[in-house]
N, C-alpha and C. Protein backbone atom coordinates (compact mmCIF):
# COMPACT_ATOMS: atom_id res chain seq x y z
N GLN A 1 0.94 -1.20 0.04
CA GLN A 1 0.03 -0.16 0.11
C GLN A 1 0.86 1.73 0.19
N VAL A 2 0.51 2.23 -0.60
CA VAL A 2 1.36 3.64 -0.86
C VAL A 2 1.15 4.12 0.61
N GLN A 3 2.24 4.71 0.86
CA GLN A 3 2.10 5.68 1.93
C GLN A 3 2.42 7.20 1.29
N LEU A 4 1.73 8.16 1.97
CA LEU A 4 1.57 9.43 1.85
C LEU A 4 2.05 10.31 2.81
N VAL A 5 2.72 11.51 2.52
CA VAL A 5 3.17 12.35 3.36
C VAL A 5 3.26 14.01 2.85
N GLU A 6 2.39 14.82 3.66
CA GLU A 6 2.23 16.18 3.08
C GLU A 6 2.97 16.70 3.67
N SER A 7 3.33 18.00 3.13
CA SER A 7 4.34 18.96 3.56
C SER A 7 4.10 20.29 3.09
N GLY A 8 4.43 21.33 3.76
CA GLY A 8 4.12 22.74 3.10
C GLY A 8 3.25 23.81 3.51
N GLY A 9 2.22 23.30 4.71
CA GLY A 9 1.47 24.14 5.16
C GLY A 9 2.05 24.97 6.11
N GLY A 10 1.19 26.10 6.86
CA GLY A 10 1.81 26.98 7.48
C GLY A 10 0.69 28.09 7.37
N LEU A 11 1.19 29.09 8.24
CA LEU A 11 0.18 30.26 8.52
C LEU A 11 0.51 31.68 7.65
N VAL A 12 -0.20 32.00 6.84
CA VAL A 12 -0.12 33.22 5.83
C VAL A 12 -1.40 34.06 5.79
N GLN A 13 -1.01 35.21 4.86
CA GLN A 13 -2.34 36.09 5.23
C GLN A 13 -3.05 36.03 3.73
N ALA A 14 -4.15 36.27 4.08
CA ALA A 14 -4.97 36.41 2.52
C ALA A 14 -4.12 37.27 1.69
N GLY A 15 -4.41 36.48 0.24
CA GLY A 15 -3.73 36.98 -0.50
C GLY A 15 -2.26 36.19 -1.26
N ASP A 16 -1.90 35.64 0.05
CA ASP A 16 -0.53 34.91 -0.39
C ASP A 16 -0.72 33.54 -1.06
N SER A 17 0.54 33.38 -1.39
CA SER A 17 0.60 31.98 -1.93
C SER A 17 1.05 30.75 -1.17
N LEU A 18 0.72 29.61 -1.30
CA LEU A 18 1.45 28.44 -0.78
C LEU A 18 1.52 27.31 -1.55
N ARG A 19 2.23 26.68 -1.30
CA ARG A 19 2.51 25.41 -1.97
C ARG A 19 2.74 23.78 -1.12
N LEU A 20 1.59 23.11 -1.28
CA LEU A 20 1.73 21.83 -0.64
C LEU A 20 2.41 21.06 -1.36
N SER A 21 3.23 19.87 -0.94
CA SER A 21 3.66 18.76 -1.57
C SER A 21 3.47 17.46 -0.61
N CYS A 22 2.87 16.31 -1.70
CA CYS A 22 2.72 15.17 -0.98
C CYS A 22 3.77 14.01 -2.00
N ALA A 23 4.55 13.40 -0.77
CA ALA A 23 5.85 12.33 -1.15
C ALA A 23 5.07 11.22 -1.03
N ALA A 24 4.96 10.27 -2.03
CA ALA A 24 4.64 8.91 -2.04
C ALA A 24 5.89 7.76 -1.82
N SER A 25 5.14 6.82 -1.30
CA SER A 25 6.03 5.64 -1.38
C SER A 25 5.66 4.61 -1.21
N GLY A 26 6.24 3.72 -1.67
CA GLY A 26 5.53 2.19 -2.01
C GLY A 26 4.55 2.24 -3.26
N GLY A 27 4.27 0.99 -3.31
CA GLY A 27 3.11 0.83 -4.47
C GLY A 27 3.84 1.58 -5.82
N THR A 28 3.11 1.74 -6.80
CA THR A 28 3.49 2.19 -8.35
C THR A 28 2.95 3.56 -8.31
N PHE A 29 3.39 4.63 -7.98
CA PHE A 29 2.94 6.06 -7.98
C PHE A 29 2.44 6.38 -9.49
N SER A 30 3.25 5.96 -10.23
CA SER A 30 2.52 6.50 -11.64
C SER A 30 1.48 5.79 -12.25
N MET A 31 1.00 4.99 -11.55
CA MET A 31 0.06 4.35 -12.28
C MET A 31 -1.59 4.79 -11.39
N TYR A 32 -1.17 5.93 -10.15
CA TYR A 32 -2.38 5.90 -9.36
C TYR A 32 -3.09 7.62 -9.91
N HIS A 33 -3.97 7.66 -9.82
CA HIS A 33 -4.70 8.85 -9.90
C HIS A 33 -4.70 9.50 -8.51
N MET A 34 -4.36 10.80 -8.29
CA MET A 34 -4.02 11.30 -6.98
C MET A 34 -5.06 12.50 -6.53
N GLY A 35 -5.26 12.92 -5.59
CA GLY A 35 -6.40 14.12 -5.23
C GLY A 35 -5.82 14.70 -3.90
N TRP A 36 -6.31 15.84 -3.78
CA TRP A 36 -6.12 16.91 -2.33
C TRP A 36 -7.89 16.76 -2.16
N PHE A 37 -7.74 16.64 -0.79
CA PHE A 37 -8.86 17.14 0.07
C PHE A 37 -8.53 18.16 1.31
N ARG A 38 -9.71 18.65 2.00
CA ARG A 38 -9.42 19.24 2.80
C ARG A 38 -10.53 19.51 4.04
N ARG A 39 -10.17 19.57 5.25
CA ARG A 39 -11.43 19.56 6.07
C ARG A 39 -11.04 20.83 7.08
N ALA A 40 -12.10 21.60 6.85
CA ALA A 40 -12.20 22.92 7.96
C ALA A 40 -12.76 22.69 9.04
N PRO A 41 -12.15 23.58 10.31
CA PRO A 41 -12.92 23.16 11.58
C PRO A 41 -14.36 23.20 11.39
N GLY A 42 -14.97 22.26 12.15
CA GLY A 42 -16.43 22.01 12.15
C GLY A 42 -17.20 21.60 10.82
N LYS A 43 -16.29 21.31 9.97
CA LYS A 43 -17.29 20.90 8.63
C LYS A 43 -16.47 19.78 8.33
N GLU A 44 -17.25 18.99 6.96
CA GLU A 44 -16.96 17.65 6.54
C GLU A 44 -15.64 17.92 5.75
N ARG A 45 -15.03 16.79 5.34
CA ARG A 45 -13.88 16.53 4.62
C ARG A 45 -14.58 16.93 2.76
N GLU A 46 -14.09 18.12 2.28
CA GLU A 46 -14.29 18.31 1.10
C GLU A 46 -13.11 18.13 0.12
N PHE A 47 -13.84 17.78 -1.33
CA PHE A 47 -12.76 17.69 -2.32
C PHE A 47 -12.01 18.88 -3.02
N VAL A 48 -10.89 19.31 -3.09
CA VAL A 48 -10.23 20.19 -3.49
C VAL A 48 -9.65 19.93 -4.94
N ALA A 49 -8.97 19.26 -5.14
CA ALA A 49 -8.61 18.96 -6.58
C ALA A 49 -8.06 17.34 -6.99
N ALA A 50 -7.89 17.31 -7.95
CA ALA A 50 -7.50 15.93 -8.56
C ALA A 50 -7.11 15.93 -9.77
N LEU A 51 -6.12 14.69 -10.05
CA LEU A 51 -5.30 14.59 -11.43
C LEU A 51 -5.26 13.06 -11.54
N ASN A 52 -5.39 12.74 -13.05
CA ASN A 52 -5.05 11.51 -13.23
C ASN A 52 -3.98 11.17 -13.47
N TRP A 53 -3.51 9.67 -13.55
CA TRP A 53 -1.82 9.05 -13.71
C TRP A 53 -0.93 9.88 -14.29
N ASP A 54 -1.48 10.48 -15.44
CA ASP A 54 -0.66 11.12 -16.44
C ASP A 54 -0.86 12.72 -16.45
N SER A 55 -1.38 12.94 -15.89
CA SER A 55 -1.93 14.79 -15.57
C SER A 55 -2.78 15.05 -16.88
N ALA A 56 -3.24 14.33 -17.73
CA ALA A 56 -4.08 14.59 -18.74
C ALA A 56 -5.50 15.04 -18.53
N LEU A 57 -5.79 14.40 -17.14
CA LEU A 57 -7.12 15.00 -16.73
C LEU A 57 -6.69 15.80 -15.44
N THR A 58 -7.61 16.98 -15.18
CA THR A 58 -7.64 17.74 -13.79
C THR A 58 -8.79 18.29 -13.46
N TYR A 59 -9.09 18.17 -12.53
CA TYR A 59 -10.16 18.61 -11.68
C TYR A 59 -10.11 19.45 -10.43
N TYR A 60 -11.07 20.52 -10.15
CA TYR A 60 -11.21 21.37 -9.39
C TYR A 60 -12.41 21.56 -8.81
N ALA A 61 -12.53 21.71 -7.64
CA ALA A 61 -13.55 22.34 -6.83
C ALA A 61 -13.95 23.81 -7.23
N ASP A 62 -15.03 24.01 -7.27
CA ASP A 62 -15.48 25.28 -8.00
C ASP A 62 -15.10 26.53 -6.96
N SER A 63 -14.61 26.27 -5.73
CA SER A 63 -14.28 27.34 -4.86
C SER A 63 -12.89 27.55 -4.94
N VAL A 64 -11.98 26.64 -5.27
CA VAL A 64 -10.71 26.78 -5.92
C VAL A 64 -10.09 27.26 -7.32
N LYS A 65 -11.06 27.03 -8.16
CA LYS A 65 -10.85 26.86 -9.68
C LYS A 65 -10.17 28.24 -9.90
N GLY A 66 -9.50 28.23 -10.45
CA GLY A 66 -8.42 29.83 -11.31
C GLY A 66 -7.72 30.17 -10.19
N ARG A 67 -7.31 29.32 -9.00
CA ARG A 67 -6.56 29.60 -7.59
C ARG A 67 -5.65 28.76 -7.14
N PHE A 68 -6.02 27.65 -7.30
CA PHE A 68 -5.15 26.33 -7.50
C PHE A 68 -4.98 25.69 -8.40
N THR A 69 -3.61 25.00 -8.64
CA THR A 69 -3.09 24.08 -9.57
C THR A 69 -2.46 22.92 -8.62
N ILE A 70 -3.10 21.70 -9.30
CA ILE A 70 -2.52 20.41 -9.04
C ILE A 70 -1.54 20.08 -9.92
N SER A 71 -0.58 19.31 -9.73
CA SER A 71 0.44 18.93 -10.52
C SER A 71 0.96 17.68 -9.94
N ARG A 72 1.91 16.82 -10.86
CA ARG A 72 2.23 15.79 -10.38
C ARG A 72 3.81 15.17 -11.04
N ASP A 73 4.62 14.85 -10.22
CA ASP A 73 5.93 14.30 -10.74
C ASP A 73 6.21 12.50 -10.54
N ASN A 74 5.80 12.16 -11.65
CA ASN A 74 6.14 10.68 -11.53
C ASN A 74 7.20 10.18 -11.15
N THR A 75 8.35 11.05 -11.90
CA THR A 75 9.67 10.53 -11.58
C THR A 75 10.05 10.78 -10.04
N LYS A 76 9.37 11.78 -9.12
CA LYS A 76 9.80 11.98 -8.00
C LYS A 76 8.93 11.24 -6.92
N SER A 77 7.54 11.07 -7.70
CA SER A 77 6.37 10.17 -6.80
C SER A 77 6.00 11.58 -6.15
N THR A 78 5.71 12.60 -6.34
CA THR A 78 5.35 13.75 -5.70
C THR A 78 3.86 14.29 -6.52
N VAL A 79 3.09 14.87 -5.59
CA VAL A 79 1.88 15.26 -6.07
C VAL A 79 1.83 16.92 -5.53
N ASP A 80 1.79 18.26 -6.04
CA ASP A 80 1.58 19.52 -5.53
C ASP A 80 0.22 20.17 -5.57
N LEU A 81 -0.06 20.85 -5.01
CA LEU A 81 -0.87 21.80 -4.84
C LEU A 81 -0.40 23.25 -4.53
N GLN A 82 -0.30 23.78 -5.50
CA GLN A 82 0.23 25.29 -5.49
C GLN A 82 -1.37 25.90 -5.29
N MET A 83 -1.26 26.95 -4.33
CA MET A 83 -2.40 27.83 -4.21
C MET A 83 -1.99 29.21 -3.80
N LYS A 84 -3.04 29.74 -4.72
CA LYS A 84 -2.59 31.52 -4.73
C LYS A 84 -3.81 32.19 -4.20
N SER A 85 -3.62 33.49 -4.20
CA SER A 85 -4.95 33.94 -3.71
C SER A 85 -5.71 33.78 -2.48
N LEU A 86 -5.06 32.95 -1.58
CA LEU A 86 -5.47 32.37 -0.43
C LEU A 86 -6.70 33.24 0.30
N LYS A 87 -7.41 32.83 0.90
CA LYS A 87 -8.42 33.38 1.52
C LYS A 87 -8.79 32.70 2.91
N PRO A 88 -9.21 33.30 3.59
CA PRO A 88 -9.40 32.88 5.13
C PRO A 88 -10.40 31.37 5.13
N GLU A 89 -11.29 31.69 4.06
CA GLU A 89 -12.23 30.17 4.20
C GLU A 89 -11.22 29.24 3.47
N ASP A 90 -9.94 29.36 2.94
CA ASP A 90 -9.26 28.15 2.72
C ASP A 90 -8.61 27.51 3.86
N THR A 91 -8.75 28.08 5.01
CA THR A 91 -7.92 27.51 6.12
C THR A 91 -8.60 26.16 6.18
N ALA A 92 -7.83 24.94 6.31
CA ALA A 92 -8.13 23.92 6.71
C ALA A 92 -7.00 22.79 6.93
N VAL A 93 -7.18 21.62 7.36
CA VAL A 93 -6.16 20.73 7.12
C VAL A 93 -6.44 19.89 5.94
N TYR A 94 -5.34 20.14 5.22
CA TYR A 94 -5.22 19.70 3.77
C TYR A 94 -4.81 18.06 3.78
N TYR A 95 -5.33 17.20 3.03
CA TYR A 95 -5.05 15.84 2.96
C TYR A 95 -4.62 15.33 1.60
N CYS A 96 -3.84 14.49 1.20
CA CYS A 96 -3.53 14.23 -0.19
C CYS A 96 -3.83 12.37 -0.13
N ALA A 97 -4.42 12.20 -1.15
CA ALA A 97 -5.15 10.73 -1.50
C ALA A 97 -4.72 10.20 -2.56
N ALA A 98 -4.50 8.94 -2.47
CA ALA A 98 -4.19 8.06 -3.84
C ALA A 98 -5.28 7.59 -4.11
N TRP A 99 -5.60 7.26 -5.89
CA TRP A 99 -6.78 6.43 -6.06
C TRP A 99 -6.01 5.27 -6.77
N THR A 100 -6.20 4.01 -6.10
CA THR A 100 -5.34 2.86 -6.64
C THR A 100 -5.83 1.86 -7.34
N LYS A 101 -7.19 1.73 -7.10
CA LYS A 101 -8.35 0.89 -7.95
C LYS A 101 -9.40 1.36 -8.79
N SER A 102 -9.94 0.56 -9.45
CA SER A 102 -11.00 0.66 -10.14
C SER A 102 -10.72 2.52 -11.07
N PHE A 103 -9.59 2.20 -11.50
CA PHE A 103 -9.18 3.37 -12.65
C PHE A 103 -10.38 3.82 -13.52
N ALA A 104 -10.93 3.27 -14.05
CA ALA A 104 -11.79 3.49 -15.27
C ALA A 104 -13.04 4.51 -14.43
N ARG A 105 -13.21 4.43 -13.00
CA ARG A 105 -14.25 5.05 -12.55
C ARG A 105 -14.01 6.66 -12.10
N PHE A 106 -12.70 6.44 -12.34
CA PHE A 106 -11.98 8.31 -11.49
C PHE A 106 -12.70 9.29 -12.33
N SER A 107 -12.86 9.55 -13.62
CA SER A 107 -13.47 10.56 -14.22
C SER A 107 -14.97 10.92 -13.89
N GLY A 108 -15.62 10.16 -13.28
CA GLY A 108 -16.84 10.20 -12.71
C GLY A 108 -17.21 10.37 -11.10
N SER A 109 -15.69 9.92 -10.61
CA SER A 109 -16.14 9.96 -9.25
C SER A 109 -14.61 10.53 -8.52
N TYR A 110 -13.85 11.30 -9.17
CA TYR A 110 -12.94 11.86 -8.65
C TYR A 110 -13.03 12.48 -7.17
N TYR A 111 -14.29 13.03 -7.01
CA TYR A 111 -14.65 14.09 -6.09
C TYR A 111 -14.97 13.29 -4.82
N ARG A 112 -15.10 11.88 -4.84
CA ARG A 112 -16.04 10.91 -3.69
C ARG A 112 -14.38 10.55 -2.70
N SER A 113 -14.34 11.07 -1.61
CA SER A 113 -13.28 10.85 -0.86
C SER A 113 -13.22 9.16 -0.55
N TYR A 114 -14.61 8.73 -0.86
CA TYR A 114 -14.16 6.97 -0.06
C TYR A 114 -13.89 6.03 -1.08
N GLU A 115 -13.59 6.40 -2.36
CA GLU A 115 -13.42 5.98 -3.43
C GLU A 115 -11.54 6.00 -3.31
N TYR A 116 -11.23 6.98 -2.75
CA TYR A 116 -9.57 7.00 -2.41
C TYR A 116 -9.12 5.96 -1.43
N ASP A 117 -8.17 5.05 -1.77
CA ASP A 117 -7.61 4.16 -0.83
C ASP A 117 -6.69 4.63 0.31
N SER A 118 -5.64 5.26 -0.09
CA SER A 118 -4.47 5.87 0.83
C SER A 118 -4.65 7.31 0.85
N TRP A 119 -4.42 7.64 2.32
CA TRP A 119 -4.49 9.05 2.96
C TRP A 119 -3.26 9.51 3.66
N GLY A 120 -2.85 10.70 3.44
CA GLY A 120 -1.59 11.26 4.31
C GLY A 120 -2.06 11.47 5.76
N GLN A 121 -1.00 12.32 6.33
CA GLN A 121 -1.91 12.58 7.73
C GLN A 121 -2.15 14.15 7.90
N GLY A 122 -2.31 14.93 6.69
CA GLY A 122 -2.52 16.22 6.81
C GLY A 122 -1.57 17.09 7.05
N THR A 123 -1.58 18.59 6.32
CA THR A 123 -0.93 19.44 6.79
C THR A 123 -1.77 21.08 6.73
N GLN A 124 -1.38 21.37 7.98
CA GLN A 124 -2.40 22.58 8.31
C GLN A 124 -2.08 23.68 7.49
N VAL A 125 -2.87 24.24 6.65
CA VAL A 125 -2.97 26.11 6.28
C VAL A 125 -3.56 26.92 6.99
N THR A 126 -3.29 27.63 7.32
CA THR A 126 -4.05 28.86 8.11
C THR A 126 -4.06 30.10 7.44
N VAL A 127 -5.27 30.47 7.22
CA VAL A 127 -5.01 32.09 6.22
C VAL A 127 -5.66 33.09 7.20
N SER A 128 -4.63 34.07 7.21
CA SER A 128 -5.53 35.27 8.29
C SER A 128 -5.86 36.27 7.46
N SER A 129 -6.81 36.84 7.89
CA SER A 129 -7.66 38.03 7.24
C SER A 129 -6.77 39.31 7.51
């Protein structure tokens, strides 16, 4: 099973940028679809962004579209989330997740957290106003 470790979180001001990174080990990273989710205090975990194994397909939540960019480097087994124009409502713990099975379903279910098989421990992002 793939292990995922997020990094790059921190405290920033509104309007700032931040880049999160997720390093994978074990398994065959280049075959997996990947996603980022977040959980704000008192709220359910929500989808943020996802991309398929070769980066041909990318998906974003409406709330982050145009501000966040997901990317991956299969040679390094990493997936990043570049976040720009951050807002206080982006404050959350951000989680990296791997989709390692049922690959054909990804395009229709990429936003469903229960479809992802492996999760990182999360990294805190706090945006002050």
